[in-house]
């Protein structure tokens, strides 16, 4: 049985901590990514108009008259 020296034990602990920190970072990144995709999908669904819905728009047409502004045409 070989015993580890204090230096080797510290190195292994540091390596384990680093690996665990990397694992947790990846987990957090995945959660943030999934959440962001969910928000984006929700916004996309909300922004699209519903099928079968009537869309009405009002426009005013300005027809130019032959006379000057404010004049009345009499036959």
N, C-alpha and C. Protein backbone atom coordinates (compact mmCIF):
# COMPACT_ATOMS: atom_id res chain seq x y z
N UNK A 1 0.84 -1.16 0.00
CA UNK A 1 0.00 0.00 0.00
C UNK A 1 0.89 1.24 0.00
N UNK A 2 0.62 2.12 -0.91
CA UNK A 2 1.43 3.32 -0.99
C UNK A 2 0.63 4.50 -0.45
N UNK A 3 1.22 5.24 0.40
CA UNK A 3 0.57 6.42 0.98
C UNK A 3 0.91 7.63 0.13
N UNK A 4 -0.06 8.51 0.04
CA UNK A 4 0.16 9.74 -0.71
C UNK A 4 0.85 10.77 0.17
N UNK A 5 1.70 11.51 -0.45
CA UNK A 5 2.35 12.59 0.29
C UNK A 5 1.36 13.74 0.41
N UNK A 6 1.57 14.64 1.34
CA UNK A 6 0.66 15.80 1.47
C UNK A 6 0.56 16.63 0.19
N UNK A 7 1.63 16.73 -0.54
CA UNK A 7 1.62 17.50 -1.79
C UNK A 7 0.71 16.80 -2.81
N UNK A 8 0.83 15.49 -2.92
CA UNK A 8 -0.01 14.74 -3.87
C UNK A 8 -1.48 14.83 -3.48
N UNK A 9 -1.77 14.76 -2.18
CA UNK A 9 -3.15 14.88 -1.72
C UNK A 9 -3.73 16.25 -2.09
N UNK A 10 -2.95 17.29 -1.88
CA UNK A 10 -3.41 18.64 -2.23
C UNK A 10 -3.66 18.77 -3.73
N UNK A 11 -2.78 18.19 -4.54
CA UNK A 11 -2.95 18.25 -5.98
C UNK A 11 -4.23 17.54 -6.41
N UNK A 12 -4.48 16.38 -5.81
CA UNK A 12 -5.70 15.65 -6.15
C UNK A 12 -6.94 16.41 -5.73
N UNK A 13 -6.90 17.03 -4.55
CA UNK A 13 -8.04 17.83 -4.09
C UNK A 13 -8.30 19.00 -5.03
N UNK A 14 -7.23 19.69 -5.43
CA UNK A 14 -7.38 20.82 -6.35
C UNK A 14 -7.97 20.35 -7.68
N UNK A 15 -7.49 19.23 -8.18
CA UNK A 15 -7.99 18.69 -9.44
C UNK A 15 -9.48 18.34 -9.31
N UNK A 16 -9.85 17.71 -8.20
CA UNK A 16 -11.25 17.35 -7.98
C UNK A 16 -12.12 18.61 -7.90
N UNK A 17 -11.65 19.61 -7.18
CA UNK A 17 -12.41 20.87 -7.06
C UNK A 17 -12.57 21.54 -8.42
N UNK A 18 -11.51 21.56 -9.20
CA UNK A 18 -11.56 22.17 -10.53
C UNK A 18 -12.55 21.43 -11.42
N UNK A 19 -12.50 20.11 -11.39
CA UNK A 19 -13.42 19.32 -12.21
C UNK A 19 -14.87 19.55 -11.78
N UNK A 20 -15.09 19.62 -10.48
CA UNK A 20 -16.45 19.86 -9.97
C UNK A 20 -16.93 21.26 -10.36
N UNK A 21 -16.03 22.24 -10.31
CA UNK A 21 -16.40 23.61 -10.71
C UNK A 21 -16.76 23.65 -12.20
N UNK A 22 -16.01 22.93 -13.01
CA UNK A 22 -16.30 22.87 -14.44
C UNK A 22 -17.65 22.20 -14.68
N UNK A 23 -17.92 21.12 -13.97
CA UNK A 23 -19.21 20.42 -14.12
C UNK A 23 -20.37 21.35 -13.77
N UNK A 24 -20.25 22.07 -12.64
CA UNK A 24 -21.31 22.97 -12.22
C UNK A 24 -21.47 24.13 -13.21
N UNK A 25 -20.38 24.61 -13.75
CA UNK A 25 -20.44 25.69 -14.74
C UNK A 25 -21.20 25.24 -15.98
N UNK A 26 -20.92 24.02 -16.42
CA UNK A 26 -21.62 23.47 -17.59
C UNK A 26 -23.10 23.31 -17.29
N UNK A 27 -23.44 22.84 -16.10
CA UNK A 27 -24.85 22.68 -15.71
C UNK A 27 -25.58 24.02 -15.71
N UNK A 28 -24.95 25.03 -15.12
CA UNK A 28 -25.57 26.35 -15.07
C UNK A 28 -25.73 26.91 -16.47
N UNK A 29 -24.72 26.74 -17.30
CA UNK A 29 -24.79 27.22 -18.68
C UNK A 29 -25.93 26.54 -19.44
N UNK A 30 -26.11 25.25 -19.25
CA UNK A 30 -27.21 24.54 -19.92
C UNK A 30 -28.57 25.04 -19.44
N UNK A 31 -28.70 25.28 -18.14
CA UNK A 31 -29.97 25.78 -17.60
C UNK A 31 -30.27 27.16 -18.19
N UNK A 32 -29.28 28.03 -18.24
CA UNK A 32 -29.48 29.37 -18.80
C UNK A 32 -29.83 29.27 -20.28
N UNK A 33 -29.19 28.39 -21.01
CA UNK A 33 -29.47 28.22 -22.43
C UNK A 33 -30.89 27.73 -22.66
N UNK A 34 -31.32 26.72 -21.90
CA UNK A 34 -32.68 26.19 -22.06
C UNK A 34 -33.71 27.26 -21.68
N UNK A 35 -33.44 28.01 -20.62
CA UNK A 35 -34.35 29.07 -20.21
C UNK A 35 -34.46 30.14 -21.31
N UNK A 36 -33.33 30.53 -21.88
CA UNK A 36 -33.32 31.55 -22.94
C UNK A 36 -34.08 31.07 -24.17
N UNK A 37 -33.89 29.82 -24.53
CA UNK A 37 -34.62 29.28 -25.68
C UNK A 37 -36.12 29.24 -25.40
N UNK A 38 -36.50 28.93 -24.17
CA UNK A 38 -37.92 28.93 -23.80
C UNK A 38 -38.53 30.31 -23.89
N UNK A 39 -37.80 31.30 -23.41
CA UNK A 39 -38.29 32.69 -23.49
C UNK A 39 -38.41 33.12 -24.95
N UNK A 40 -37.42 32.79 -25.76
CA UNK A 40 -37.45 33.16 -27.18
C UNK A 40 -38.62 32.48 -27.89
N UNK A 41 -38.86 31.23 -27.60
CA UNK A 41 -39.98 30.52 -28.21
C UNK A 41 -41.31 31.13 -27.78
N UNK A 42 -41.43 31.45 -26.50
CA UNK A 42 -42.65 32.09 -26.00
C UNK A 42 -42.91 33.42 -26.67
N UNK A 43 -41.88 34.22 -26.85
CA UNK A 43 -42.03 35.51 -27.52
C UNK A 43 -42.43 35.32 -28.99
N UNK A 44 -41.84 34.35 -29.64
CA UNK A 44 -42.16 34.09 -31.04
C UNK A 44 -43.61 33.64 -31.20
N UNK A 45 -44.08 32.82 -30.30
CA UNK A 45 -45.47 32.35 -30.37
C UNK A 45 -46.42 33.50 -30.08
N UNK A 46 -46.08 34.34 -29.14
CA UNK A 46 -46.95 35.46 -28.77
C UNK A 46 -47.00 36.51 -29.87
N UNK A 47 -45.93 36.73 -30.59
CA UNK A 47 -45.87 37.77 -31.62
C UNK A 47 -46.63 37.40 -32.89
N UNK A 48 -46.80 36.13 -33.19
CA UNK A 48 -47.48 35.73 -34.41
C UNK A 48 -48.99 35.93 -34.26
N UNK A 49 -49.65 36.43 -35.31
CA UNK A 49 -51.10 36.57 -35.24
C UNK A 49 -51.78 35.20 -35.24
N UNK A 50 -52.93 35.14 -34.61
CA UNK A 50 -53.66 33.86 -34.56
C UNK A 50 -54.36 33.63 -35.89
N UNK A 51 -54.40 32.38 -36.34
CA UNK A 51 -55.07 32.11 -37.63
C UNK A 51 -56.57 32.34 -37.51
N UNK A 52 -57.17 32.83 -38.60
CA UNK A 52 -58.61 33.04 -38.62
C UNK A 52 -59.02 34.38 -38.02
N UNK A 53 -58.08 35.15 -37.57
CA UNK A 53 -58.38 36.44 -36.97
C UNK A 53 -58.42 37.50 -38.08
N UNK A 54 -59.40 38.39 -38.01
CA UNK A 54 -59.53 39.43 -39.01
C UNK A 54 -58.65 40.62 -38.62
N UNK A 55 -57.90 41.09 -39.58
CA UNK A 55 -57.05 42.25 -39.37
C UNK A 55 -57.62 43.39 -40.19
N UNK A 56 -57.98 44.49 -39.54
CA UNK A 56 -58.58 45.63 -40.22
C UNK A 56 -57.62 46.80 -40.16
N UNK A 57 -57.48 47.50 -41.26
CA UNK A 57 -56.66 48.71 -41.27
C UNK A 57 -57.46 49.84 -41.90
N UNK A 58 -57.32 51.04 -41.37
CA UNK A 58 -58.00 52.23 -41.89
C UNK A 58 -56.98 53.11 -42.58
N UNK A 59 -57.35 53.58 -43.78
CA UNK A 59 -56.48 54.51 -44.51
C UNK A 59 -57.36 55.62 -45.07
N UNK A 60 -56.87 56.81 -44.98
CA UNK A 60 -57.59 57.96 -45.54
C UNK A 60 -56.98 58.30 -46.89
N UNK A 61 -57.83 58.34 -47.89
CA UNK A 61 -57.37 58.68 -49.23
C UNK A 61 -57.58 60.17 -49.46
N UNK A 62 -56.57 60.84 -49.92
CA UNK A 62 -56.66 62.26 -50.23
C UNK A 62 -56.66 62.40 -51.75
N UNK A 63 -57.78 62.90 -52.28
CA UNK A 63 -57.92 63.05 -53.72
C UNK A 63 -57.69 64.52 -54.05
N UNK A 64 -56.74 64.81 -54.88
CA UNK A 64 -56.48 66.21 -55.24
C UNK A 64 -57.62 66.75 -56.11
N UNK A 65 -58.05 67.98 -55.82
CA UNK A 65 -59.11 68.61 -56.63
C UNK A 65 -58.47 69.50 -57.67
N UNK A 66 -59.25 69.87 -58.65
CA UNK A 66 -58.73 70.70 -59.73
C UNK A 66 -58.51 72.14 -59.34
N UNK A 67 -59.26 72.64 -58.37
CA UNK A 67 -59.15 74.05 -57.99
C UNK A 67 -58.17 74.27 -56.89
N UNK A 68 -58.08 75.49 -56.44
CA UNK A 68 -57.20 75.87 -55.37
C UNK A 68 -57.76 75.36 -54.04
N UNK A 69 -56.94 75.39 -53.03
CA UNK A 69 -57.40 74.96 -51.72
C UNK A 69 -58.57 75.80 -51.26
N UNK A 70 -59.62 75.17 -50.77
CA UNK A 70 -60.77 75.89 -50.23
C UNK A 70 -61.75 76.41 -51.29
N UNK A 71 -61.53 76.15 -52.54
CA UNK A 71 -62.47 76.63 -53.56
C UNK A 71 -63.59 75.62 -53.77
N UNK A 72 -64.72 76.11 -54.26
CA UNK A 72 -65.86 75.25 -54.51
C UNK A 72 -66.09 75.20 -56.02
N UNK A 73 -66.29 74.03 -56.53
CA UNK A 73 -66.55 73.88 -57.97
C UNK A 73 -68.06 73.87 -58.16
N UNK A 74 -68.57 74.77 -58.99
CA UNK A 74 -70.02 74.80 -59.25
C UNK A 74 -70.26 74.52 -60.71
N UNK A 75 -71.24 73.71 -61.02
CA UNK A 75 -71.52 73.40 -62.42
C UNK A 75 -72.26 74.50 -63.12
